[in-house]
Amino acid sequence: MISIERSAGSIEISKEYFARLIGFAASECFGVSGMVPSSPNQELRAFFRKNDVDKGVAVKSVNGKLHIELHIEVTYGVNVAAIVKSIINKVRYTVEEATGLRVGKVNVFVDSMKLDAAPSNKGE
């Protein structure tokens, strides 16, 4: 649970909610071919559940702001700096819009690259 204290009371939201929200937002960005498990626990879960959108996402609250860590796989040949910038902006916007909580930091780690499996036109 992430707990944020406000003057009117406290807000508690599960880390799983944030992880799914963030994982979905990041995986929609151009050039992202998938999320990569960021811990042994996530790696074990990913082994049993192949479409785990929250894998590769870690969220914690520091001084009332969210710190987000993402581990991604990108498509080979794309501009990695542009992808990372796009992910940071989209994740920050999505989380702040959906929850009203401030995002302090978004760290994106590119753990692997994947060749684009575009269909070939052989024989045509």
C-alpha atoms as a PDB file:
ATOM      1  CA  MET A   1       0.000   0.000   0.000  1.00  0.00           C
ATOM      2  CA  ILE A   2       1.072   3.533  -0.740  1.00  0.00           C
ATOM      3  CA  SER A   3      -0.115   5.931   1.901  1.00  0.00           C
ATOM      4  CA  ILE A   4      -0.143   9.702   1.368  1.00  0.00           C
ATOM      5  CA  GLU A   5      -1.094  12.068   4.188  1.00  0.00           C
ATOM      6  CA  ARG A   6      -3.299  15.045   3.309  1.00  0.00           C
ATOM      7  CA  SER A   7      -4.900  17.712   5.494  1.00  0.00           C
ATOM      8  CA  ALA A   8      -8.319  16.064   5.099  1.00  0.00           C
ATOM      9  CA  GLY A   9      -6.968  12.577   5.875  1.00  0.00           C
ATOM     10  CA  SER A  10      -4.830   9.887   4.353  1.00  0.00           C
ATOM     11  CA  ILE A  11      -4.996   8.202   0.975  1.00  0.00           C
ATOM     12  CA  GLU A  12      -4.098   4.537   0.617  1.00  0.00           C
ATOM     13  CA  ILE A  13      -3.819   2.941  -2.806  1.00  0.00           C
ATOM     14  CA  SER A  14      -2.416  -0.505  -3.523  1.00  0.00           C
ATOM     15  CA  LYS A  15       0.909  -0.807  -5.310  1.00  0.00           C
ATOM     16  CA  GLU A  16      -0.722  -3.305  -7.657  1.00  0.00           C
ATOM     17  CA  TYR A  17      -3.137  -0.613  -8.880  1.00  0.00           C
ATOM     18  CA  PHE A  18      -0.259   1.747  -9.659  1.00  0.00           C
ATOM     19  CA  ALA A  19       1.799  -0.998 -11.266  1.00  0.00           C
ATOM     20  CA  ARG A  20      -1.041  -1.966 -13.618  1.00  0.00           C
ATOM     21  CA  LEU A  21      -1.870   1.674 -14.452  1.00  0.00           C
ATOM     22  CA  ILE A  22       1.779   2.477 -15.157  1.00  0.00           C
ATOM     23  CA  GLY A  23       2.501  -0.763 -17.001  1.00  0.00           C
ATOM     24  CA  PHE A  24      -0.466  -0.223 -19.315  1.00  0.00           C
ATOM     25  CA  ALA A  25       0.500   3.416 -20.001  1.00  0.00           C
ATOM     26  CA  ALA A  26       4.134   2.526 -20.733  1.00  0.00           C
ATOM     27  CA  SER A  27       3.333  -0.463 -22.936  1.00  0.00           C
ATOM     28  CA  GLU A  28       1.115   1.752 -25.148  1.00  0.00           C
ATOM     29  CA  CYS A  29       4.064   3.997 -26.076  1.00  0.00           C
ATOM     30  CA  PHE A  30       5.594   3.664 -29.541  1.00  0.00           C
ATOM     31  CA  GLY A  31       8.703   1.490 -29.634  1.00  0.00           C
ATOM     32  CA  VAL A  32       8.016  -0.395 -26.410  1.00  0.00           C
ATOM     33  CA  SER A  33       7.825  -4.083 -27.250  1.00  0.00           C
ATOM     34  CA  GLY A  34       7.274  -5.226 -23.677  1.00  0.00           C
ATOM     35  CA  MET A  35       7.973  -4.938 -20.001  1.00  0.00           C
ATOM     36  CA  VAL A  36      10.846  -6.800 -18.324  1.00  0.00           C
ATOM     37  CA  PRO A  37      10.629  -8.208 -14.774  1.00  0.00           C
ATOM     38  CA  SER A  38      12.583  -6.000 -12.370  1.00  0.00           C
ATOM     39  CA  SER A  39      12.907  -8.406  -9.447  1.00  0.00           C
ATOM     40  CA  PRO A  40      13.132 -12.155  -8.827  1.00  0.00           C
ATOM     41  CA  ASN A  41       9.571 -12.075  -7.477  1.00  0.00           C
ATOM     42  CA  GLN A  42       8.250 -10.485 -10.687  1.00  0.00           C
ATOM     43  CA  GLU A  43      10.304 -12.911 -12.755  1.00  0.00           C
ATOM     44  CA  LEU A  44       8.703 -15.864 -10.993  1.00  0.00           C
ATOM     45  CA  ARG A  45       5.199 -14.424 -11.461  1.00  0.00           C
ATOM     46  CA  ALA A  46       5.935 -13.691 -15.130  1.00  0.00           C
ATOM     47  CA  PHE A  47       6.882 -17.352 -15.604  1.00  0.00           C
ATOM     48  CA  PHE A  48       3.382 -18.447 -14.575  1.00  0.00           C
ATOM     49  CA  ARG A  49       1.396 -15.492 -15.979  1.00  0.00           C
ATOM     50  CA  LYS A  50       2.617 -14.553 -19.446  1.00  0.00           C
ATOM     51  CA  ASN A  51       0.567 -11.330 -19.896  1.00  0.00           C
ATOM     52  CA  ASP A  52       1.382  -9.651 -16.609  1.00  0.00           C
ATOM     53  CA  VAL A  53       1.113  -5.927 -17.437  1.00  0.00           C
ATOM     54  CA  ASP A  54       2.538  -4.893 -14.058  1.00  0.00           C
ATOM     55  CA  LYS A  55       5.847  -6.699 -14.504  1.00  0.00           C
ATOM     56  CA  GLY A  56       8.818  -4.363 -14.689  1.00  0.00           C
ATOM     57  CA  VAL A  57       7.140  -1.694 -12.549  1.00  0.00           C
ATOM     58  CA  ALA A  58       8.085  -0.588  -9.039  1.00  0.00           C
ATOM     59  CA  VAL A  59       6.360   2.255  -7.180  1.00  0.00           C
ATOM     60  CA  LYS A  60       7.084   3.849  -3.824  1.00  0.00           C
ATOM     61  CA  SER A  61       6.081   6.999  -2.009  1.00  0.00           C
ATOM     62  CA  VAL A  62       8.821   9.409  -0.895  1.00  0.00           C
ATOM     63  CA  ASN A  63       7.899  12.625   0.921  1.00  0.00           C
ATOM     64  CA  GLY A  64       4.371  12.619  -0.499  1.00  0.00           C
ATOM     65  CA  LYS A  65       5.478  12.076  -4.113  1.00  0.00           C
ATOM     66  CA  LEU A  66       5.583   8.881  -6.126  1.00  0.00           C
ATOM     67  CA  HIS A  67       8.859   7.483  -7.394  1.00  0.00           C
ATOM     68  CA  ILE A  68       8.395   5.100 -10.301  1.00  0.00           C
ATOM     69  CA  GLU A  69      10.848   2.627 -11.807  1.00  0.00           C
ATOM     70  CA  LEU A  70      10.203   0.929 -15.154  1.00  0.00           C
ATOM     71  CA  HIS A  71      12.107  -1.868 -16.894  1.00  0.00           C
ATOM     72  CA  ILE A  72      11.286  -2.117 -20.593  1.00  0.00           C
ATOM     73  CA  GLU A  73      12.190  -3.872 -23.819  1.00  0.00           C
ATOM     74  CA  VAL A  74      12.334  -1.683 -26.932  1.00  0.00           C
ATOM     75  CA  THR A  75      12.135  -2.426 -30.634  1.00  0.00           C
ATOM     76  CA  TYR A  76      15.538  -2.444 -32.321  1.00  0.00           C
ATOM     77  CA  GLY A  77      16.263   0.591 -34.489  1.00  0.00           C
ATOM     78  CA  VAL A  78      14.070   3.147 -32.721  1.00  0.00           C
ATOM     79  CA  ASN A  79      15.320   6.292 -31.014  1.00  0.00           C
ATOM     80  CA  VAL A  80      15.686   5.155 -27.389  1.00  0.00           C
ATOM     81  CA  ALA A  81      15.994   8.681 -25.985  1.00  0.00           C
ATOM     82  CA  ALA A  82      12.719   9.711 -27.652  1.00  0.00           C
ATOM     83  CA  ILE A  83      10.958   6.573 -26.382  1.00  0.00           C
ATOM     84  CA  VAL A  84      12.128   7.141 -22.822  1.00  0.00           C
ATOM     85  CA  LYS A  85      11.052  10.795 -22.903  1.00  0.00           C
ATOM     86  CA  SER A  86       7.648   9.771 -24.236  1.00  0.00           C
ATOM     87  CA  ILE A  87       7.236   7.123 -21.529  1.00  0.00           C
ATOM     88  CA  ILE A  88       8.177   9.536 -18.740  1.00  0.00           C
ATOM     89  CA  ASN A  89       5.664  12.136 -19.960  1.00  0.00           C
ATOM     90  CA  LYS A  90       2.855   9.609 -20.524  1.00  0.00           C
ATOM     91  CA  VAL A  91       3.350   7.829 -17.187  1.00  0.00           C
ATOM     92  CA  ARG A  92       3.550  11.096 -15.240  1.00  0.00           C
ATOM     93  CA  TYR A  93       0.409  12.449 -16.929  1.00  0.00           C
ATOM     94  CA  THR A  94      -1.544   9.191 -16.575  1.00  0.00           C
ATOM     95  CA  VAL A  95      -0.779   8.734 -12.880  1.00  0.00           C
ATOM     96  CA  GLU A  96      -1.387  12.365 -11.922  1.00  0.00           C
ATOM     97  CA  GLU A  97      -4.621  12.487 -13.934  1.00  0.00           C
ATOM     98  CA  ALA A  98      -5.959   9.180 -12.580  1.00  0.00           C
ATOM     99  CA  THR A  99      -5.041   9.688  -8.918  1.00  0.00           C
ATOM    100  CA  GLY A 100      -4.351  13.378  -8.295  1.00  0.00           C
ATOM    101  CA  LEU A 101      -1.034  12.395  -6.676  1.00  0.00           C
ATOM    102  CA  ARG A 102       2.245  14.032  -7.673  1.00  0.00           C
ATOM    103  CA  VAL A 103       4.944  12.041  -9.431  1.00  0.00           C
ATOM    104  CA  GLY A 104       8.379  13.030  -8.187  1.00  0.00           C
ATOM    105  CA  LYS A 105      10.548  10.819 -10.362  1.00  0.00           C
ATOM    106  CA  VAL A 106      10.238   8.333 -13.215  1.00  0.00           C
ATOM    107  CA  ASN A 107      13.290   6.167 -13.940  1.00  0.00           C
ATOM    108  CA  VAL A 108      13.195   4.104 -17.134  1.00  0.00           C
ATOM    109  CA  PHE A 109      15.651   1.260 -17.674  1.00  0.00           C
ATOM    110  CA  VAL A 110      15.999  -0.267 -21.135  1.00  0.00           C
ATOM    111  CA  ASP A 111      16.905  -3.861 -20.293  1.00  0.00           C
ATOM    112  CA  SER A 112      16.743  -5.391 -23.775  1.00  0.00           C
ATOM    113  CA  MET A 113      16.011  -4.836 -27.445  1.00  0.00           C
ATOM    114  CA  LYS A 114      13.815  -6.929 -29.697  1.00  0.00           C
ATOM    115  CA  LEU A 115      14.085  -7.291 -33.452  1.00  0.00           C
ATOM    116  CA  ASP A 116      10.912  -6.212 -35.224  1.00  0.00           C
ATOM    117  CA  ALA A 117       9.245  -9.327 -36.556  1.00  0.00           C
ATOM    118  CA  ALA A 118       7.748  -7.677 -39.628  1.00  0.00           C
ATOM    119  CA  PRO A 119       6.326 -10.104 -42.188  1.00  0.00           C
ATOM    120  CA  SER A 120       8.539 -10.610 -45.211  1.00  0.00           C
ATOM    121  CA  ASN A 121       7.347 -10.204 -48.794  1.00  0.00           C
ATOM    122  CA  LYS A 122       9.228 -13.204 -50.207  1.00  0.00           C
ATOM    123  CA  GLY A 123       7.605 -14.957 -53.107  1.00  0.00           C
ATOM    124  CA  GLU A 124       5.332 -12.077 -54.112  1.00  0.00           C
END
